[in-house]
Structures are given as C-alpha cells and as structure tokens.
Amino acid sequence: MSATSVSSRHARLDVLLDGLRITRSASDAARRHTERVLVLEWDEVAGATLELTGKGRSIVRVAVVGPHAVDDHRDDPYAVKAGRDQAESAVAVVDRINEEAATRRRWHEQAATTPPVDDGAVEAG
C-alpha cells in the first residue's frame, strides 16, 4: 500500500480524498506565518516535489496554484520535512500528490474541450 502521510516532530502532511492537510505545531506555524492546520483542496494543488536537506533528510514541498515563491523550505508553509525513517514514504507521497493533481488537471482540460451533449430534448416554444 502506498504511503498517505509524512510527519516529523513539528509537522504532518496527510493525503486525503478531497485534498491535503498540513498540521503544524503552534511554534512552527507561527515561524512560517501560517495557520496550524492548512487544508488544501485538490483544485488548489499544482503538484509536489521532493528535496533533500544538506544532511539528506527528505522534504515534501507542495506547489499551490497561483503565485507562491518561497526559496527556503524552512519558511514555506506548504513544505514538510519527513522523519528520519520516512524517505520511502516521502517519495510515495510526492508521487501520489503528483498523480492526483495530474488526474484533476486532465479532467478539467477534458471538460473544457468536450462539447455539450445534445440530449435531443425539444424546447417548447
């Protein structure tokens, strides 16, 4: 079974049916100038990347739709450092987020290019 979360001492990222939830400690949320619990719907998620710290720890960085540029993961409200033993889980979570974001993008593109279905109904006039 594929991983659906990563966590560390100060934060946790959960992949849910309707989006993502990032839960942080009060001190971590204050330092990043964000809420303790962030809930992102899938339409707000553009994808995710996996970065490594200088010591080789995995960091899951979620890309959101719209302008959002934070250079350092320590200031990014959408980044969660995985626990020491969660390197494989971090890769699986990034893959799962990217797969779901790509699927939603395809659905929206198909809906925009598909002509409306004519059900043969005749308007009364």
N, C-alpha and C. Protein backbone atom coordinates (compact mmCIF):
# COMPACT_ATOMS: atom_id res chain seq x y z
N MET A 1 0.84 -1.17 0.00
CA MET A 1 0.00 0.00 0.00
C MET A 1 0.89 1.24 0.00
N SER A 2 0.49 2.23 -0.76
CA SER A 2 1.24 3.47 -0.87
C SER A 2 1.05 4.34 0.37
N ALA A 3 2.08 5.09 0.72
CA ALA A 3 2.01 5.96 1.89
C ALA A 3 1.05 7.12 1.65
N THR A 4 0.38 7.54 2.70
CA THR A 4 -0.56 8.66 2.59
C THR A 4 -0.19 9.80 3.54
N SER A 5 0.94 9.69 4.23
CA SER A 5 1.34 10.78 5.11
C SER A 5 2.84 10.74 5.38
N VAL A 6 3.36 11.90 5.75
CA VAL A 6 4.72 12.02 6.27
C VAL A 6 4.64 12.96 7.46
N SER A 7 5.52 12.75 8.43
CA SER A 7 5.48 13.61 9.60
C SER A 7 6.86 13.72 10.22
N SER A 8 7.01 14.77 10.99
CA SER A 8 8.22 14.98 11.76
C SER A 8 7.79 15.49 13.14
N ARG A 9 8.72 15.98 13.90
CA ARG A 9 8.38 16.45 15.24
C ARG A 9 7.42 17.63 15.23
N HIS A 10 7.48 18.47 14.19
CA HIS A 10 6.71 19.70 14.19
C HIS A 10 5.58 19.77 13.17
N ALA A 11 5.52 18.82 12.24
CA ALA A 11 4.52 18.92 11.18
C ALA A 11 4.13 17.55 10.65
N ARG A 12 2.94 17.53 10.03
CA ARG A 12 2.44 16.31 9.42
C ARG A 12 1.67 16.69 8.16
N LEU A 13 1.89 15.93 7.08
CA LEU A 13 1.18 16.11 5.82
C LEU A 13 0.37 14.84 5.56
N ASP A 14 -0.94 15.02 5.39
CA ASP A 14 -1.82 13.88 5.10
C ASP A 14 -2.44 14.06 3.73
N VAL A 15 -2.44 12.99 2.94
CA VAL A 15 -3.13 12.96 1.66
C VAL A 15 -4.53 12.41 1.93
N LEU A 16 -5.55 13.21 1.60
CA LEU A 16 -6.94 12.84 1.86
C LEU A 16 -7.68 12.67 0.54
N LEU A 17 -8.89 12.17 0.60
CA LEU A 17 -9.70 12.01 -0.61
C LEU A 17 -9.98 13.35 -1.29
N ASP A 18 -10.22 14.38 -0.49
CA ASP A 18 -10.61 15.66 -1.05
C ASP A 18 -9.48 16.69 -1.08
N GLY A 19 -8.26 16.30 -0.74
CA GLY A 19 -7.14 17.23 -0.79
C GLY A 19 -6.02 16.85 0.16
N LEU A 20 -5.34 17.86 0.67
CA LEU A 20 -4.21 17.68 1.58
C LEU A 20 -4.47 18.43 2.87
N ARG A 21 -3.92 17.90 3.96
CA ARG A 21 -3.99 18.60 5.24
C ARG A 21 -2.57 18.64 5.80
N ILE A 22 -2.14 19.86 6.14
CA ILE A 22 -0.84 20.05 6.78
C ILE A 22 -1.12 20.56 8.19
N THR A 23 -0.66 19.81 9.17
CA THR A 23 -0.86 20.16 10.57
C THR A 23 0.51 20.46 11.18
N ARG A 24 0.62 21.59 11.85
CA ARG A 24 1.89 22.02 12.42
C ARG A 24 1.77 22.30 13.91
N SER A 25 2.89 22.28 14.59
CA SER A 25 2.91 22.72 15.98
C SER A 25 2.67 24.23 15.99
N ALA A 26 2.27 24.75 17.13
CA ALA A 26 2.00 26.18 17.23
C ALA A 26 3.25 27.00 16.91
N SER A 27 4.40 26.58 17.41
CA SER A 27 5.63 27.33 17.17
C SER A 27 6.05 27.28 15.70
N ASP A 28 5.90 26.13 15.05
CA ASP A 28 6.26 26.01 13.64
C ASP A 28 5.32 26.85 12.77
N ALA A 29 4.04 26.83 13.08
CA ALA A 29 3.07 27.63 12.33
C ALA A 29 3.37 29.12 12.49
N ALA A 30 3.69 29.55 13.68
CA ALA A 30 4.00 30.96 13.91
C ALA A 30 5.25 31.39 13.15
N ARG A 31 6.26 30.53 13.16
CA ARG A 31 7.50 30.86 12.46
C ARG A 31 7.30 30.98 10.95
N ARG A 32 6.39 30.17 10.41
CA ARG A 32 6.11 30.20 8.97
C ARG A 32 4.99 31.16 8.60
N HIS A 33 4.42 31.84 9.59
CA HIS A 33 3.33 32.79 9.38
C HIS A 33 2.14 32.14 8.68
N THR A 34 1.69 31.02 9.23
CA THR A 34 0.58 30.28 8.66
C THR A 34 -0.31 29.74 9.77
N GLU A 35 -1.41 29.16 9.39
CA GLU A 35 -2.32 28.53 10.34
C GLU A 35 -1.73 27.21 10.82
N ARG A 36 -2.17 26.76 11.98
CA ARG A 36 -1.70 25.45 12.48
C ARG A 36 -2.17 24.32 11.58
N VAL A 37 -3.39 24.43 11.05
CA VAL A 37 -3.93 23.41 10.16
C VAL A 37 -4.29 24.06 8.83
N LEU A 38 -3.61 23.64 7.77
CA LEU A 38 -3.91 24.09 6.41
C LEU A 38 -4.60 22.96 5.68
N VAL A 39 -5.73 23.25 5.07
CA VAL A 39 -6.42 22.25 4.26
C VAL A 39 -6.46 22.78 2.84
N LEU A 40 -5.89 22.01 1.92
CA LEU A 40 -5.85 22.36 0.50
C LEU A 40 -6.73 21.40 -0.27
N GLU A 41 -7.68 21.92 -1.02
CA GLU A 41 -8.47 21.07 -1.91
C GLU A 41 -7.62 20.74 -3.12
N TRP A 42 -7.96 19.66 -3.81
CA TRP A 42 -7.14 19.22 -4.94
C TRP A 42 -7.05 20.28 -6.03
N ASP A 43 -8.07 21.10 -6.21
CA ASP A 43 -8.01 22.14 -7.24
C ASP A 43 -6.98 23.23 -6.91
N GLU A 44 -6.55 23.30 -5.67
CA GLU A 44 -5.54 24.28 -5.25
C GLU A 44 -4.12 23.73 -5.38
N VAL A 45 -3.99 22.43 -5.58
CA VAL A 45 -2.68 21.77 -5.60
C VAL A 45 -2.19 21.61 -7.03
N ALA A 46 -0.99 22.14 -7.32
CA ALA A 46 -0.40 22.01 -8.65
C ALA A 46 0.52 20.80 -8.75
N GLY A 47 0.98 20.30 -7.64
CA GLY A 47 1.89 19.15 -7.63
C GLY A 47 2.75 19.18 -6.38
N ALA A 48 3.81 18.38 -6.40
CA ALA A 48 4.73 18.33 -5.26
C ALA A 48 6.12 17.94 -5.75
N THR A 49 7.10 18.36 -4.99
CA THR A 49 8.48 17.98 -5.28
C THR A 49 9.13 17.43 -4.02
N LEU A 50 10.17 16.67 -4.23
CA LEU A 50 10.94 16.11 -3.13
C LEU A 50 12.31 16.77 -3.14
N GLU A 51 12.69 17.35 -2.03
CA GLU A 51 14.01 17.96 -1.89
C GLU A 51 14.74 17.25 -0.76
N LEU A 52 16.04 17.42 -0.74
CA LEU A 52 16.85 16.85 0.34
C LEU A 52 17.58 17.96 1.06
N THR A 53 17.65 17.85 2.37
CA THR A 53 18.42 18.81 3.15
C THR A 53 19.91 18.49 2.98
N GLY A 54 20.75 19.31 3.55
CA GLY A 54 22.19 19.06 3.50
C GLY A 54 22.58 17.76 4.16
N LYS A 55 21.77 17.32 5.12
CA LYS A 55 22.04 16.06 5.82
C LYS A 55 21.32 14.88 5.18
N GLY A 56 20.62 15.12 4.06
CA GLY A 56 19.97 14.03 3.35
C GLY A 56 18.55 13.72 3.78
N ARG A 57 17.94 14.57 4.60
CA ARG A 57 16.55 14.35 5.01
C ARG A 57 15.61 14.78 3.90
N SER A 58 14.52 14.05 3.74
CA SER A 58 13.54 14.33 2.69
C SER A 58 12.58 15.44 3.10
N ILE A 59 12.30 16.32 2.14
CA ILE A 59 11.33 17.39 2.35
C ILE A 59 10.32 17.32 1.23
N VAL A 60 9.04 17.25 1.59
CA VAL A 60 7.96 17.27 0.61
C VAL A 60 7.50 18.72 0.50
N ARG A 61 7.61 19.29 -0.71
CA ARG A 61 7.16 20.66 -0.95
C ARG A 61 5.97 20.61 -1.90
N VAL A 62 4.85 21.10 -1.43
CA VAL A 62 3.62 21.13 -2.23
C VAL A 62 3.58 22.43 -3.00
N ALA A 63 3.33 22.33 -4.30
CA ALA A 63 3.16 23.52 -5.15
C ALA A 63 1.67 23.83 -5.21
N VAL A 64 1.34 25.08 -4.97
CA VAL A 64 -0.05 25.50 -5.00
C VAL A 64 -0.31 26.34 -6.24
N VAL A 65 -1.57 26.37 -6.67
CA VAL A 65 -1.98 27.16 -7.82
C VAL A 65 -1.89 28.63 -7.45
N GLY A 66 -1.38 29.44 -8.35
CA GLY A 66 -1.24 30.86 -8.09
C GLY A 66 0.17 31.22 -7.70
N PRO A 67 0.41 32.51 -7.52
CA PRO A 67 1.77 32.93 -7.18
C PRO A 67 2.15 32.52 -5.76
N HIS A 68 3.25 31.86 -5.65
CA HIS A 68 3.78 31.45 -4.34
C HIS A 68 5.24 31.10 -4.55
N ALA A 69 6.09 31.95 -4.06
CA ALA A 69 7.52 31.71 -4.21
C ALA A 69 8.23 31.87 -2.88
N VAL A 70 8.70 30.78 -2.34
CA VAL A 70 9.49 30.79 -1.12
C VAL A 70 10.74 29.97 -1.42
N ASP A 71 11.89 30.60 -1.30
CA ASP A 71 13.14 29.92 -1.64
C ASP A 71 13.51 28.84 -0.63
N ASP A 72 13.42 29.16 0.64
CA ASP A 72 13.87 28.25 1.68
C ASP A 72 12.72 27.41 2.21
N HIS A 73 12.87 26.11 2.23
CA HIS A 73 11.81 25.23 2.70
C HIS A 73 11.43 25.50 4.14
N ARG A 74 12.34 26.05 4.92
CA ARG A 74 12.06 26.33 6.33
C ARG A 74 11.05 27.46 6.52
N ASP A 75 10.83 28.25 5.47
CA ASP A 75 9.85 29.34 5.52
C ASP A 75 8.58 29.00 4.73
N ASP A 76 8.59 27.91 4.02
CA ASP A 76 7.48 27.54 3.14
C ASP A 76 6.34 26.91 3.95
N PRO A 77 5.14 27.52 3.92
CA PRO A 77 4.02 26.95 4.67
C PRO A 77 3.52 25.63 4.08
N TYR A 78 3.95 25.29 2.86
CA TYR A 78 3.50 24.07 2.20
C TYR A 78 4.59 23.02 2.12
N ALA A 79 5.60 23.13 2.97
CA ALA A 79 6.70 22.15 3.00
C ALA A 79 6.69 21.42 4.33
N VAL A 80 6.94 20.10 4.25
CA VAL A 80 7.01 19.28 5.46
C VAL A 80 8.25 18.39 5.35
N LYS A 81 9.09 18.45 6.37
CA LYS A 81 10.26 17.59 6.42
C LYS A 81 9.81 16.23 6.95
N ALA A 82 10.20 15.20 6.25
CA ALA A 82 9.83 13.84 6.66
C ALA A 82 10.74 13.37 7.79
N GLY A 83 10.22 12.48 8.60
CA GLY A 83 11.01 11.89 9.67
C GLY A 83 12.20 11.12 9.11
N ARG A 84 13.15 10.83 9.97
CA ARG A 84 14.39 10.17 9.54
C ARG A 84 14.16 8.85 8.83
N ASP A 85 13.15 8.12 9.25
CA ASP A 85 12.89 6.80 8.67
C ASP A 85 11.79 6.83 7.60
N GLN A 86 11.47 8.00 7.07
CA GLN A 86 10.35 8.11 6.13
C GLN A 86 10.76 8.52 4.72
N ALA A 87 11.97 8.24 4.32
CA ALA A 87 12.42 8.63 2.98
C ALA A 87 11.56 7.97 1.89
N GLU A 88 11.26 6.69 2.06
CA GLU A 88 10.44 5.98 1.07
C GLU A 88 9.01 6.51 1.08
N SER A 89 8.49 6.79 2.25
CA SER A 89 7.13 7.34 2.37
C SER A 89 7.05 8.70 1.71
N ALA A 90 8.10 9.51 1.84
CA ALA A 90 8.11 10.84 1.22
C ALA A 90 8.03 10.73 -0.30
N VAL A 91 8.78 9.79 -0.86
CA VAL A 91 8.74 9.58 -2.32
C VAL A 91 7.33 9.14 -2.74
N ALA A 92 6.74 8.22 -1.99
CA ALA A 92 5.39 7.73 -2.31
C ALA A 92 4.35 8.84 -2.20
N VAL A 93 4.47 9.69 -1.19
CA VAL A 93 3.52 10.80 -1.02
C VAL A 93 3.64 11.79 -2.17
N VAL A 94 4.85 12.14 -2.56
CA VAL A 94 5.06 13.05 -3.69
C VAL A 94 4.47 12.45 -4.96
N ASP A 95 4.72 11.17 -5.21
CA ASP A 95 4.16 10.51 -6.39
C ASP A 95 2.63 10.53 -6.36
N ARG A 96 2.07 10.26 -5.21
CA ARG A 96 0.60 10.24 -5.07
C ARG A 96 0.00 11.63 -5.30
N ILE A 97 0.63 12.67 -4.75
CA ILE A 97 0.14 14.03 -4.94
C ILE A 97 0.22 14.42 -6.41
N ASN A 98 1.34 14.13 -7.06
CA ASN A 98 1.51 14.48 -8.47
C ASN A 98 0.53 13.72 -9.36
N GLU A 99 0.29 12.46 -9.05
CA GLU A 99 -0.66 11.66 -9.82
C GLU A 99 -2.08 12.24 -9.69
N GLU A 100 -2.47 12.57 -8.48
CA GLU A 100 -3.81 13.11 -8.26
C GLU A 100 -3.96 14.49 -8.90
N ALA A 101 -2.95 15.35 -8.78
CA ALA A 101 -3.01 16.68 -9.39
C ALA A 101 -3.09 16.58 -10.91
N ALA A 102 -2.31 15.67 -11.50
CA ALA A 102 -2.34 15.48 -12.95
C ALA A 102 -3.70 14.94 -13.41
N THR A 103 -4.27 14.03 -12.66
CA THR A 103 -5.59 13.49 -13.00
C THR A 103 -6.64 14.59 -12.99
N ARG A 104 -6.63 15.41 -11.96
CA ARG A 104 -7.60 16.51 -11.87
C ARG A 104 -7.41 17.51 -13.00
N ARG A 105 -6.15 17.78 -13.35
CA ARG A 105 -5.86 18.70 -14.46
C ARG A 105 -6.44 18.15 -15.77
N ARG A 106 -6.26 16.83 -16.01
CA ARG A 106 -6.81 16.21 -17.22
C ARG A 106 -8.33 16.30 -17.23
N TRP A 107 -8.97 16.07 -16.09
CA TRP A 107 -10.43 16.17 -16.02
C TRP A 107 -10.90 17.57 -16.41
N HIS A 108 -10.22 18.59 -15.87
CA HIS A 108 -10.61 19.96 -16.17
C HIS A 108 -10.37 20.29 -17.65
N GLU A 109 -9.26 19.82 -18.22
CA GLU A 109 -8.97 20.06 -19.63
C GLU A 109 -10.00 19.38 -20.52
N GLN A 110 -10.36 18.14 -20.19
CA GLN A 110 -11.36 17.43 -20.98
C GLN A 110 -12.72 18.09 -20.88
N ALA A 111 -13.08 18.55 -19.70
CA ALA A 111 -14.36 19.22 -19.52
C ALA A 111 -14.42 20.52 -20.33
N ALA A 112 -13.28 21.20 -20.46
CA ALA A 112 -13.24 22.46 -21.19
C ALA A 112 -13.29 22.25 -22.70
N THR A 113 -12.80 21.10 -23.19
CA THR A 113 -12.76 20.87 -24.64
C THR A 113 -13.90 20.00 -25.15
N THR A 114 -14.62 19.35 -24.26
CA THR A 114 -15.71 18.48 -24.67
C THR A 114 -16.95 19.32 -24.95
N PRO A 115 -17.53 19.18 -26.16
CA PRO A 115 -18.76 19.95 -26.46
C PRO A 115 -19.92 19.42 -25.63
N PRO A 116 -20.88 20.29 -25.34
CA PRO A 116 -22.03 19.84 -24.56
C PRO A 116 -22.80 18.76 -25.31
N VAL A 117 -23.36 17.83 -24.57
CA VAL A 117 -24.11 16.72 -25.14
C VAL A 117 -25.52 17.18 -25.46
N ASP A 118 -25.96 16.93 -26.69
CA ASP A 118 -27.33 17.25 -27.08
C ASP A 118 -28.18 16.03 -26.78
N ASP A 119 -29.05 16.16 -25.80
CA ASP A 119 -29.85 15.01 -25.38
C ASP A 119 -31.11 14.84 -26.20
N GLY A 120 -31.26 15.66 -27.23
CA GLY A 120 -32.43 15.52 -28.10
C GLY A 120 -33.69 16.16 -27.58
N ALA A 121 -33.62 16.84 -26.50
CA ALA A 121 -34.81 17.49 -25.94
C ALA A 121 -35.21 18.66 -26.82
N VAL A 122 -36.48 18.79 -27.00
CA VAL A 122 -37.01 19.88 -27.84
C VAL A 122 -37.63 20.91 -26.89
N GLU A 123 -37.21 22.17 -27.09
CA GLU A 123 -37.76 23.23 -26.27
C GLU A 123 -39.17 23.57 -26.71
N ALA A 124 -40.03 23.78 -25.75
CA ALA A 124 -41.40 24.21 -26.06
C ALA A 124 -41.36 25.67 -26.44
N GLY A 125 -42.06 26.00 -27.46
CA GLY A 125 -41.95 27.38 -27.89
C GLY A 125 -43.22 27.93 -28.24
